[in-house]
């Protein structure tokens, strides 16, 4: 019998732009996700379910076993909640960069040149 490799689903949140501008602290964001991610309706069950949050300089990676069916949508929800708590929600948004990654971007604000033409 050959044992199959366990399938692991990885989701990435790229915080490059806000971290480079020193607007967002990745370590605090990682702690927030660690404290608030729910598995089976319970927070604080990451280690017992083999869910791992790793941090690079500007990226957070959440790796979970495929059988848990961990939701990418939950990461977006928690990211938006964190930005609201830090009063950054008016300036940053969470955008899906690929099938299993999100990216934090600034809202693009136009110069308002259209209002001058009367």
C-alpha atoms as a PDB file:
ATOM      1  CA  UNK A   1       0.000   0.000   0.000  1.00  0.00           C
ATOM      2  CA  UNK A   2       1.199   3.451  -0.887  1.00  0.00           C
ATOM      3  CA  UNK A   3       0.213   6.258   1.401  1.00  0.00           C
ATOM      4  CA  UNK A   4      -0.992   9.361  -0.413  1.00  0.00           C
ATOM      5  CA  UNK A   5       0.396  12.752   0.362  1.00  0.00           C
ATOM      6  CA  UNK A   6      -1.903  14.837   2.531  1.00  0.00           C
ATOM      7  CA  UNK A   7      -3.457  17.612   0.537  1.00  0.00           C
ATOM      8  CA  UNK A   8      -2.745  21.015   1.998  1.00  0.00           C
ATOM      9  CA  UNK A   9      -4.553  24.146   0.902  1.00  0.00           C
ATOM     10  CA  UNK A  10      -2.558  27.378   1.164  1.00  0.00           C
ATOM     11  CA  UNK A  11      -3.991  30.876   1.123  1.00  0.00           C
ATOM     12  CA  UNK A  12      -1.743  33.931   0.874  1.00  0.00           C
ATOM     13  CA  UNK A  13      -2.470  37.496   1.955  1.00  0.00           C
ATOM     14  CA  UNK A  14      -0.025  39.916   0.349  1.00  0.00           C
ATOM     15  CA  UNK A  15       0.398  43.101   2.419  1.00  0.00           C
ATOM     16  CA  UNK A  16       3.337  44.552   0.493  1.00  0.00           C
ATOM     17  CA  UNK A  17       2.007  48.055  -0.228  1.00  0.00           C
ATOM     18  CA  UNK A  18       0.820  48.959   3.305  1.00  0.00           C
ATOM     19  CA  UNK A  19       3.869  47.383   4.972  1.00  0.00           C
ATOM     20  CA  UNK A  20       6.298  49.279   2.732  1.00  0.00           C
ATOM     21  CA  UNK A  21       4.507  52.511   3.683  1.00  0.00           C
ATOM     22  CA  UNK A  22       4.648  51.495   7.383  1.00  0.00           C
ATOM     23  CA  UNK A  23       0.848  51.666   7.657  1.00  0.00           C
ATOM     24  CA  UNK A  24       0.294  48.027   8.636  1.00  0.00           C
ATOM     25  CA  UNK A  25       2.170  45.794  11.076  1.00  0.00           C
ATOM     26  CA  UNK A  26       2.233  42.216   9.776  1.00  0.00           C
ATOM     27  CA  UNK A  27       3.018  40.713  13.184  1.00  0.00           C
ATOM     28  CA  UNK A  28      -0.111  42.234  14.756  1.00  0.00           C
ATOM     29  CA  UNK A  29      -2.188  41.159  11.766  1.00  0.00           C
ATOM     30  CA  UNK A  30      -0.860  37.598  12.116  1.00  0.00           C
ATOM     31  CA  UNK A  31      -1.756  37.553  15.815  1.00  0.00           C
ATOM     32  CA  UNK A  32      -5.246  38.861  15.021  1.00  0.00           C
ATOM     33  CA  UNK A  33      -5.812  36.069  12.486  1.00  0.00           C
ATOM     34  CA  UNK A  34      -4.423  33.496  14.911  1.00  0.00           C
ATOM     35  CA  UNK A  35      -6.861  34.631  17.606  1.00  0.00           C
ATOM     36  CA  UNK A  36      -9.942  34.992  15.393  1.00  0.00           C
ATOM     37  CA  UNK A  37      -9.893  32.170  12.807  1.00  0.00           C
ATOM     38  CA  UNK A  38     -12.710  29.759  13.556  1.00  0.00           C
ATOM     39  CA  UNK A  39     -12.601  26.053  12.819  1.00  0.00           C
ATOM     40  CA  UNK A  40     -15.757  24.114  13.524  1.00  0.00           C
ATOM     41  CA  UNK A  41     -17.298  27.231  15.070  1.00  0.00           C
ATOM     42  CA  UNK A  42     -14.542  27.592  17.675  1.00  0.00           C
ATOM     43  CA  UNK A  43     -11.636  30.007  17.865  1.00  0.00           C
ATOM     44  CA  UNK A  44      -8.273  28.858  19.159  1.00  0.00           C
ATOM     45  CA  UNK A  45      -8.450  25.448  17.490  1.00  0.00           C
ATOM     46  CA  UNK A  46      -5.707  26.028  14.923  1.00  0.00           C
ATOM     47  CA  UNK A  47      -3.013  23.769  16.353  1.00  0.00           C
ATOM     48  CA  UNK A  48      -5.332  20.834  17.003  1.00  0.00           C
ATOM     49  CA  UNK A  49      -6.534  20.957  13.373  1.00  0.00           C
ATOM     50  CA  UNK A  50      -3.039  21.384  11.843  1.00  0.00           C
ATOM     51  CA  UNK A  51      -3.707  24.900  10.537  1.00  0.00           C
ATOM     52  CA  UNK A  52      -0.475  26.875  10.300  1.00  0.00           C
ATOM     53  CA  UNK A  53      -0.058  30.631   9.853  1.00  0.00           C
ATOM     54  CA  UNK A  54       3.386  31.659   8.611  1.00  0.00           C
ATOM     55  CA  UNK A  55       4.715  35.147   8.039  1.00  0.00           C
ATOM     56  CA  UNK A  56       7.286  36.411   5.594  1.00  0.00           C
ATOM     57  CA  UNK A  57       8.279  40.040   5.611  1.00  0.00           C
ATOM     58  CA  UNK A  58       5.129  41.213   3.835  1.00  0.00           C
ATOM     59  CA  UNK A  59       3.061  38.067   3.263  1.00  0.00           C
ATOM     60  CA  UNK A  60       0.940  35.860   5.487  1.00  0.00           C
ATOM     61  CA  UNK A  61       0.316  32.256   4.484  1.00  0.00           C
ATOM     62  CA  UNK A  62      -2.452  30.165   6.016  1.00  0.00           C
ATOM     63  CA  UNK A  63      -1.994  26.444   5.354  1.00  0.00           C
ATOM     64  CA  UNK A  64      -4.729  23.987   6.271  1.00  0.00           C
ATOM     65  CA  UNK A  65      -5.558  20.357   5.460  1.00  0.00           C
ATOM     66  CA  UNK A  66      -7.925  20.038   2.498  1.00  0.00           C
ATOM     67  CA  UNK A  67     -10.417  17.937   4.465  1.00  0.00           C
ATOM     68  CA  UNK A  68     -11.136  20.926   6.747  1.00  0.00           C
ATOM     69  CA  UNK A  69     -12.521  22.868   3.785  1.00  0.00           C
ATOM     70  CA  UNK A  70     -11.077  26.090   5.165  1.00  0.00           C
ATOM     71  CA  UNK A  71     -12.747  29.092   3.584  1.00  0.00           C
ATOM     72  CA  UNK A  72     -10.822  31.732   1.680  1.00  0.00           C
ATOM     73  CA  UNK A  73     -13.813  33.996   2.246  1.00  0.00           C
ATOM     74  CA  UNK A  74     -13.255  33.826   6.011  1.00  0.00           C
ATOM     75  CA  UNK A  75      -9.764  35.270   5.515  1.00  0.00           C
ATOM     76  CA  UNK A  76     -11.183  38.170   3.532  1.00  0.00           C
ATOM     77  CA  UNK A  77     -13.814  38.800   6.205  1.00  0.00           C
ATOM     78  CA  UNK A  78     -11.253  38.770   9.020  1.00  0.00           C
ATOM     79  CA  UNK A  79      -8.872  40.975   7.026  1.00  0.00           C
ATOM     80  CA  UNK A  80     -11.594  43.542   6.475  1.00  0.00           C
ATOM     81  CA  UNK A  81     -12.495  43.409  10.167  1.00  0.00           C
ATOM     82  CA  UNK A  82      -8.873  43.967  11.134  1.00  0.00           C
ATOM     83  CA  UNK A  83      -8.603  46.962   8.795  1.00  0.00           C
ATOM     84  CA  UNK A  84     -11.802  48.410  10.278  1.00  0.00           C
ATOM     85  CA  UNK A  85     -10.448  47.933  13.805  1.00  0.00           C
ATOM     86  CA  UNK A  86      -7.200  49.713  12.847  1.00  0.00           C
ATOM     87  CA  UNK A  87      -9.207  52.483  11.088  1.00  0.00           C
ATOM     88  CA  UNK A  88      -7.572  51.651   7.761  1.00  0.00           C
ATOM     89  CA  UNK A  89     -10.701  50.403   5.990  1.00  0.00           C
ATOM     90  CA  UNK A  90     -11.246  53.778   4.279  1.00  0.00           C
ATOM     91  CA  UNK A  91      -7.827  53.574   2.596  1.00  0.00           C
ATOM     92  CA  UNK A  92      -7.151  49.871   1.957  1.00  0.00           C
ATOM     93  CA  UNK A  93      -9.117  47.115   0.282  1.00  0.00           C
ATOM     94  CA  UNK A  94      -8.710  43.374  -0.056  1.00  0.00           C
ATOM     95  CA  UNK A  95      -8.564  42.148  -3.659  1.00  0.00           C
ATOM     96  CA  UNK A  96      -8.319  38.572  -4.928  1.00  0.00           C
ATOM     97  CA  UNK A  97      -5.002  38.373  -6.773  1.00  0.00           C
ATOM     98  CA  UNK A  98      -5.407  34.718  -7.792  1.00  0.00           C
ATOM     99  CA  UNK A  99      -7.468  31.675  -6.919  1.00  0.00           C
ATOM    100  CA  UNK A 100      -5.830  31.238  -3.523  1.00  0.00           C
ATOM    101  CA  UNK A 101      -4.391  34.642  -2.673  1.00  0.00           C
ATOM    102  CA  UNK A 102      -5.530  38.069  -1.603  1.00  0.00           C
ATOM    103  CA  UNK A 103      -3.719  41.363  -1.911  1.00  0.00           C
ATOM    104  CA  UNK A 104      -4.112  44.575   0.056  1.00  0.00           C
ATOM    105  CA  UNK A 105      -4.317  47.609  -2.191  1.00  0.00           C
ATOM    106  CA  UNK A 106      -4.999  51.277  -1.723  1.00  0.00           C
ATOM    107  CA  UNK A 107      -8.199  52.728  -3.093  1.00  0.00           C
ATOM    108  CA  UNK A 108      -7.450  54.658  -6.273  1.00  0.00           C
ATOM    109  CA  UNK A 109      -8.651  58.205  -5.816  1.00  0.00           C
ATOM    110  CA  UNK A 110      -8.984  60.411  -8.864  1.00  0.00           C
ATOM    111  CA  UNK A 111      -7.694  63.971  -8.755  1.00  0.00           C
ATOM    112  CA  UNK A 112     -11.173  65.494  -9.032  1.00  0.00           C
ATOM    113  CA  UNK A 113     -10.386  67.483 -12.186  1.00  0.00           C
ATOM    114  CA  UNK A 114     -13.913  66.912 -13.530  1.00  0.00           C
ATOM    115  CA  UNK A 115     -15.489  69.263 -10.963  1.00  0.00           C
ATOM    116  CA  UNK A 116     -13.603  72.314 -12.311  1.00  0.00           C
ATOM    117  CA  UNK A 117     -15.293  72.206 -15.723  1.00  0.00           C
ATOM    118  CA  UNK A 118     -18.457  74.340 -15.550  1.00  0.00           C
END
